[in-house]
Amino acid sequence: MVEELFRKFKNSKILVIGDVMIDAYLCGSVNRISPEAPVPIVDIQNRYYRLGGAANVAVNLHSLGATPILCSVIGNDEKSRLFLELLDEKELSPMSIFRSDHRKTTIKYRIVGNRVQMLRIDEEDIKPISPADADILLKNVKSLLFQHQVDAIIFEDYDKGILTEEIITTIVKWAKANEIPVAVDPKKKNFNFYKGCTLFKPNLKELKEGLHYDEKDFSMESVQRLMKEFAIQNDNHYLFTTLSEKGVTIYDSTRDEFYTQSAYLRQISDVSGAGDTVIAVAMLCLLAGLSPKMTAQIANLAGGIVCEFSGVVPIPADKLKSEITNNALISN
């Protein structure tokens, strides 16, 4: 039952740890070329800001009725105040967001002219967090695990320096000791540090980069062979790879089974943030007791839905409900 599934979503409390950021959009029209250089002039008419990275995972969880607890480190700067205002707008708690004098709050500016993204400017600090900041982050996580009945942990890794090998392995050790499932949305730098995690979810590009695979002819057979080898070597229960327009494939190491789901036909507007939606929905589905096959189907469906919207947006719960029903994934 779809309604029963969403009731289970609402009972889930998930700790989200990783790189947070602001996604900024400066939108306008282009009618002339600059006399200073051969570049277009964008007459800005609208600007808006959205939560990105691990914060977008938290927003997706909240949109589906779950209780996310967001834990990260940002700068003690002007942009950090904007980030906290955005958290407040989305009714997300800032209690585990630490403002550090040693870091810069990440913001990504997209310059959009005539509805086309023309330039992206990243203002960020990607060096690993200081030992002092790492200690504060770990103390926050440990406190949260003991003070709250956390149902799962999601690592959202954007290679911005918040997650280090020590932080990852320490938190995974705590999670295993408390039988808390852990999901990972990885990037290249820390790809091999998530041993023992429940759900490991790279996209195809991240899988190739993480495994240093340069073969251009990347067939489904070779993808699944690498997934299986990696999952077994790293003691991952599920390895879930998103394949863009080709859909998704998930490997269940306990049953030694693969399930592949083709992409649903969509009018794609923007793929930004789709991976954040997929990891959030996949973790909720597994917590709700769905099979790997059903988890892949619903997470794939959710990722496609958000691609129909412009910019980074959370999955609309009502839209996901109706499409699960329309595609007969779960009886109503």
Protein backbone atom coordinates (compact mmCIF):
# COMPACT_ATOMS: atom_id res chain seq x y z
CA MET A 1 0.00 0.00 0.00
CA VAL A 2 1.35 3.40 -1.01
CA GLU A 3 -0.12 5.16 2.03
CA GLU A 4 1.42 2.60 4.35
CA LEU A 5 4.83 3.14 2.72
CA PHE A 6 4.64 6.89 3.30
CA ARG A 7 3.54 6.34 6.89
CA LYS A 8 6.75 4.35 7.38
CA PHE A 9 8.72 7.20 5.83
CA LYS A 10 7.30 9.53 8.49
CA ASN A 11 8.55 7.27 11.26
CA SER A 12 12.16 7.45 10.03
CA LYS A 13 14.81 9.60 11.72
CA ILE A 14 17.96 9.88 9.59
CA LEU A 15 21.30 11.49 10.39
CA VAL A 16 22.76 13.19 7.29
CA ILE A 17 26.49 13.93 7.43
CA GLY A 18 28.61 15.61 4.79
CA ASP A 19 29.31 18.61 2.61
CA VAL A 20 26.59 21.27 2.61
CA MET A 21 26.34 24.21 0.24
CA ILE A 22 24.16 26.94 -1.21
CA ASP A 23 23.01 26.69 -4.82
CA ALA A 24 22.55 30.22 -6.15
CA TYR A 25 20.80 31.10 -9.42
CA LEU A 26 21.17 34.47 -11.12
CA CYS A 27 18.69 34.52 -14.00
CA GLY A 28 18.09 37.09 -16.70
CA SER A 29 18.11 37.88 -20.40
CA VAL A 30 20.91 38.27 -22.93
CA ASN A 31 20.47 40.90 -25.64
CA ARG A 32 24.00 42.09 -26.36
CA ILE A 33 27.70 41.27 -26.25
CA SER A 34 30.07 43.08 -23.93
CA PRO A 35 32.29 45.75 -25.54
CA GLU A 36 35.02 44.77 -23.06
CA ALA A 37 35.34 41.14 -24.19
CA PRO A 38 33.51 38.75 -26.55
CA VAL A 39 31.13 37.55 -23.83
CA PRO A 40 27.37 37.94 -23.41
CA ILE A 41 25.93 40.44 -20.95
CA VAL A 42 23.26 38.91 -18.70
CA ASP A 43 20.70 41.42 -17.45
CA ILE A 44 19.83 39.83 -14.08
CA GLN A 45 16.11 39.89 -13.35
CA ASN A 46 15.77 37.21 -10.67
CA ARG A 47 18.01 35.56 -8.15
CA TYR A 48 17.21 32.76 -5.77
CA TYR A 49 19.02 30.44 -3.37
CA ARG A 50 18.53 26.80 -2.49
CA LEU A 51 20.11 24.32 -0.11
CA GLY A 52 22.53 21.95 -1.80
CA GLY A 53 24.73 18.93 -1.13
CA ALA A 54 23.96 17.09 2.11
CA ALA A 55 21.44 19.82 2.94
CA ASN A 56 19.46 18.90 -0.19
CA VAL A 57 19.37 15.27 0.97
CA ALA A 58 17.90 16.53 4.26
CA VAL A 59 15.34 18.64 2.37
CA ASN A 60 14.30 15.58 0.32
CA LEU A 61 13.88 13.48 3.46
CA HIS A 62 11.81 16.24 5.07
CA SER A 63 9.67 16.56 1.93
CA LEU A 64 8.75 12.87 2.26
CA GLY A 65 7.79 13.28 5.91
CA ALA A 66 10.93 11.82 7.52
CA THR A 67 12.93 13.55 10.26
CA PRO A 68 16.42 14.48 9.03
CA ILE A 69 19.21 15.57 11.37
CA LEU A 70 21.81 17.50 9.38
CA CYS A 71 25.39 17.49 10.69
CA SER A 72 28.15 19.49 8.99
CA VAL A 73 30.68 22.31 9.24
CA ILE A 74 30.30 25.65 7.44
CA GLY A 75 32.20 28.92 7.55
CA ASN A 76 31.66 31.69 10.05
CA ASP A 77 30.98 34.17 7.28
CA GLU A 78 28.22 36.12 5.54
CA LYS A 79 27.19 33.11 3.44
CA SER A 80 26.78 31.01 6.58
CA ARG A 81 24.02 33.35 7.74
CA LEU A 82 22.25 32.86 4.42
CA PHE A 83 22.64 29.09 4.78
CA LEU A 84 21.07 29.15 8.24
CA GLU A 85 18.21 31.32 6.95
CA LEU A 86 17.56 28.74 4.22
CA LEU A 87 17.53 25.96 6.82
CA ASP A 88 14.95 27.92 8.80
CA GLU A 89 12.79 28.41 5.69
CA LYS A 90 12.78 24.63 5.16
CA GLU A 91 12.06 24.00 8.87
CA LEU A 92 15.34 22.14 9.33
CA SER A 93 17.22 22.33 12.64
CA PRO A 94 20.65 24.02 12.72
CA MET A 95 21.58 22.37 16.03
CA SER A 96 24.34 20.21 14.51
CA ILE A 97 25.73 22.77 12.05
CA PHE A 98 29.05 24.11 13.33
CA ARG A 99 30.35 27.48 12.10
CA SER A 100 34.13 27.41 11.84
CA ASP A 101 36.53 30.34 11.54
CA HIS A 102 38.80 28.06 9.48
CA ARG A 103 36.43 27.35 6.60
CA LYS A 104 34.41 29.07 3.90
CA THR A 105 30.74 28.35 3.30
CA THR A 106 30.39 26.75 -0.14
CA ILE A 107 28.19 28.57 -2.64
CA LYS A 108 27.72 27.70 -6.32
CA TYR A 109 26.52 30.53 -8.55
CA ARG A 110 24.76 29.57 -11.78
CA ILE A 111 24.48 32.42 -14.27
CA VAL A 112 21.44 31.75 -16.45
CA GLY A 113 20.71 33.84 -19.55
CA ASN A 114 17.66 33.25 -21.75
CA ARG A 115 16.96 30.09 -19.71
CA VAL A 116 20.37 28.62 -20.55
CA GLN A 117 23.11 28.16 -17.95
CA MET A 118 26.03 30.18 -19.26
CA LEU A 119 28.51 30.04 -16.40
CA ARG A 120 29.00 28.53 -12.96
CA ILE A 121 31.15 30.17 -10.31
CA ASP A 122 32.15 28.15 -7.23
CA GLU A 123 33.18 29.90 -4.03
CA GLU A 124 34.44 27.18 -1.70
CA ASP A 125 37.13 25.68 0.49
CA ILE A 126 37.98 22.06 -0.41
CA LYS A 127 40.88 21.32 1.92
CA PRO A 128 40.19 18.74 4.67
CA ILE A 129 38.70 20.21 7.82
CA SER A 130 41.12 20.98 10.64
CA PRO A 131 41.70 18.40 13.41
CA ALA A 132 39.89 20.71 15.85
CA ASP A 133 36.84 20.98 13.56
CA ALA A 134 36.92 17.22 12.94
CA ASP A 135 36.82 16.61 16.71
CA ILE A 136 33.79 18.88 17.04
CA LEU A 137 32.02 17.11 14.16
CA LEU A 138 32.66 13.67 15.68
CA LYS A 139 31.51 14.84 19.11
CA ASN A 140 28.31 16.15 17.52
CA VAL A 141 27.69 12.84 15.74
CA LYS A 142 28.40 10.78 18.87
CA SER A 143 26.05 12.95 20.90
CA LEU A 144 23.31 12.63 18.28
CA LEU A 145 23.63 8.85 18.15
CA PHE A 146 23.22 8.57 21.92
CA GLN A 147 20.59 11.27 22.41
CA HIS A 148 18.35 10.39 19.45
CA GLN A 149 17.00 7.09 18.22
CA VAL A 150 18.59 7.36 14.77
CA ASP A 151 17.26 4.84 12.25
CA ALA A 152 19.96 5.35 9.61
CA ILE A 153 22.95 7.45 8.58
CA ILE A 154 23.55 8.96 5.15
CA PHE A 155 27.01 10.16 4.14
CA GLU A 156 26.75 12.82 1.40
CA ASP A 157 30.28 13.29 0.05
CA TYR A 158 31.01 16.08 -2.42
CA ASP A 159 34.82 16.08 -1.94
CA LYS A 160 34.65 19.47 -0.19
CA GLY A 161 36.71 18.37 2.83
CA ILE A 162 34.11 17.69 5.53
CA LEU A 163 34.43 13.90 5.29
CA THR A 164 37.88 12.41 5.87
CA GLU A 165 39.02 8.81 6.24
CA GLU A 166 39.16 9.12 10.04
CA ILE A 167 35.69 10.67 10.28
CA ILE A 168 34.17 8.10 7.94
CA THR A 169 35.71 5.01 9.57
CA THR A 170 34.95 6.24 13.09
CA ILE A 171 31.28 6.91 12.35
CA VAL A 172 30.86 3.62 10.47
CA LYS A 173 32.35 1.80 13.48
CA TRP A 174 29.85 3.51 15.80
CA ALA A 175 26.99 2.72 13.42
CA LYS A 176 27.88 -0.97 13.22
CA ALA A 177 28.19 -1.19 17.00
CA ASN A 178 24.64 0.19 17.28
CA GLU A 179 23.26 -1.77 14.28
CA ILE A 180 22.43 1.42 12.37
CA PRO A 181 22.36 1.08 8.56
CA VAL A 182 24.62 3.44 6.63
CA ALA A 183 24.12 4.75 3.08
CA VAL A 184 26.79 6.54 1.06
CA ASP A 185 26.67 8.92 -1.89
CA PRO A 186 30.42 8.91 -2.70
CA LYS A 187 32.95 10.95 -4.62
CA LYS A 188 36.40 10.02 -5.88
CA LYS A 189 38.65 11.08 -2.98
CA ASN A 190 37.08 8.90 -0.27
CA PHE A 191 35.71 6.20 -2.55
CA ASN A 192 37.49 3.29 -0.85
CA PHE A 193 36.98 4.35 2.77
CA TYR A 194 33.34 3.26 3.19
CA LYS A 195 33.93 -0.37 4.07
CA GLY A 196 31.06 -2.08 5.84
CA CYS A 197 28.35 0.33 4.70
CA THR A 198 24.86 -0.94 3.95
CA LEU A 199 24.14 0.97 0.74
CA PHE A 200 26.85 2.39 -1.56
CA LYS A 201 25.39 4.57 -4.33
CA PRO A 202 27.76 6.01 -6.95
CA ASN A 203 26.69 7.20 -10.37
CA LEU A 204 28.42 5.71 -13.41
CA LYS A 205 31.01 8.50 -13.65
CA GLU A 206 31.86 8.18 -9.95
CA LEU A 207 32.12 4.39 -10.25
CA LYS A 208 34.57 4.67 -13.14
CA GLU A 209 36.62 7.38 -11.45
CA GLY A 210 36.65 5.61 -8.09
CA LEU A 211 37.83 2.35 -9.61
CA HIS A 212 40.20 4.08 -12.09
CA TYR A 213 38.43 2.39 -14.97
CA ASP A 214 39.30 3.99 -18.32
CA GLU A 215 37.58 1.59 -20.70
CA LYS A 216 35.37 3.56 -23.10
CA ASP A 217 33.22 0.57 -24.05
CA PHE A 218 31.46 0.33 -20.71
CA SER A 219 28.85 -2.43 -21.12
CA MET A 220 26.28 -3.39 -18.50
CA GLU A 221 28.17 -6.65 -18.00
CA SER A 222 31.40 -4.84 -17.15
CA VAL A 223 29.55 -2.36 -14.89
CA GLN A 224 27.98 -5.19 -12.92
CA ARG A 225 31.23 -7.16 -12.72
CA LEU A 226 33.00 -4.17 -11.16
CA MET A 227 30.06 -3.50 -8.83
CA LYS A 228 30.08 -7.08 -7.56
CA GLU A 229 33.86 -7.12 -7.01
CA PHE A 230 33.75 -3.80 -5.16
CA ALA A 231 30.77 -4.73 -2.98
CA ILE A 232 32.37 -7.99 -1.87
CA GLN A 233 35.77 -6.41 -1.22
CA ASN A 234 34.23 -3.57 0.80
CA ASP A 235 31.56 -5.54 2.64
CA ASN A 236 28.70 -3.46 1.19
CA HIS A 237 25.27 -5.06 1.45
CA TYR A 238 23.90 -3.20 -1.57
CA LEU A 239 25.74 -1.41 -4.37
CA PHE A 240 23.36 0.85 -6.31
CA THR A 241 24.64 2.55 -9.47
CA THR A 242 22.67 5.22 -11.31
CA LEU A 243 23.22 5.13 -15.07
CA SER A 244 21.70 8.43 -16.22
CA GLU A 245 19.39 7.86 -19.21
CA LYS A 246 19.95 4.08 -18.93
CA GLY A 247 18.31 3.86 -15.53
CA VAL A 248 19.79 2.12 -12.49
CA THR A 249 21.23 -1.22 -11.44
CA ILE A 250 21.50 -2.59 -7.89
CA TYR A 251 23.54 -5.50 -6.56
CA ASP A 252 22.42 -7.45 -3.48
CA SER A 253 25.57 -9.14 -2.13
CA THR A 254 23.68 -11.39 0.31
CA ARG A 255 21.71 -12.99 -2.52
CA ASP A 256 24.33 -12.42 -5.23
CA GLU A 257 21.63 -10.89 -7.42
CA PHE A 258 21.37 -7.88 -9.72
CA TYR A 259 18.28 -5.90 -10.61
CA THR A 260 18.28 -3.36 -13.44
CA GLN A 261 15.55 -0.76 -14.01
CA SER A 262 15.34 1.26 -17.21
CA ALA A 263 14.85 5.01 -16.95
CA TYR A 264 11.29 6.29 -17.10
CA LEU A 265 10.51 8.53 -20.06
CA ARG A 266 10.86 12.15 -18.93
CA GLN A 267 11.05 15.70 -20.23
CA ILE A 268 14.44 16.51 -18.68
CA SER A 269 14.92 20.08 -17.51
CA ASP A 270 17.83 19.86 -15.05
CA VAL A 271 19.66 16.86 -13.54
CA SER A 272 21.12 18.89 -10.64
CA GLY A 273 20.41 17.27 -7.29
CA ALA A 274 18.86 14.09 -8.70
CA GLY A 275 21.45 11.95 -6.92
CA ASP A 276 20.51 13.57 -3.61
CA THR A 277 16.90 12.56 -4.19
CA VAL A 278 17.84 9.00 -5.15
CA ILE A 279 19.93 8.34 -2.01
CA ALA A 280 17.23 9.82 0.25
CA VAL A 281 14.42 7.76 -1.31
CA ALA A 282 16.49 4.57 -1.49
CA MET A 283 17.39 4.73 2.20
CA LEU A 284 13.77 5.37 3.20
CA CYS A 285 12.58 2.45 1.06
CA LEU A 286 15.09 0.04 2.59
CA LEU A 287 14.16 1.19 6.10
CA ALA A 288 10.51 0.58 5.19
CA GLY A 289 11.39 -3.03 4.38
CA LEU A 290 11.10 -2.90 0.59
CA SER A 291 13.08 -5.31 -1.56
CA PRO A 292 16.18 -4.12 -3.47
CA LYS A 293 14.15 -4.40 -6.67
CA MET A 294 11.33 -2.21 -5.38
CA THR A 295 13.81 0.21 -3.82
CA ALA A 296 15.58 0.64 -7.16
CA GLN A 297 12.29 1.17 -8.99
CA ILE A 298 10.99 3.85 -6.64
CA ALA A 299 14.33 5.65 -6.23
CA ASN A 300 14.77 5.65 -10.01
CA LEU A 301 11.27 7.05 -10.42
CA ALA A 302 11.96 9.80 -7.86
CA GLY A 303 15.25 10.78 -9.50
CA GLY A 304 13.49 11.16 -12.84
CA ILE A 305 10.71 13.29 -11.37
CA VAL A 306 13.06 15.95 -9.94
CA CYS A 307 14.86 16.19 -13.31
CA GLU A 308 11.68 17.71 -14.74
CA PHE A 309 12.16 20.79 -12.55
CA SER A 310 14.66 23.58 -13.05
CA GLY A 311 17.36 23.87 -10.39
CA VAL A 312 17.90 21.82 -7.25
CA VAL A 313 14.50 20.85 -5.81
CA PRO A 314 13.24 18.14 -3.41
CA ILE A 315 10.96 15.35 -4.52
CA PRO A 316 7.28 16.36 -4.11
CA ALA A 317 5.67 13.67 -1.95
CA ASP A 318 2.27 13.83 -3.68
CA LYS A 319 3.89 13.56 -7.11
CA LEU A 320 5.90 10.51 -6.07
CA LYS A 321 2.81 8.90 -4.53
CA SER A 322 0.76 9.34 -7.68
CA GLU A 323 3.50 8.05 -9.97
CA ILE A 324 4.13 4.98 -7.82
CA THR A 325 0.42 4.24 -8.16
CA ASN A 326 0.24 5.06 -11.89
CA ASN A 327 3.21 2.81 -12.63
CA ALA A 328 1.65 0.04 -10.52
CA LEU A 329 4.79 -0.33 -8.38
CA ILE A 330 2.70 -0.75 -5.23
CA SER A 331 -1.05 -1.33 -5.05
CA ASN A 332 -3.06 1.49 -3.48
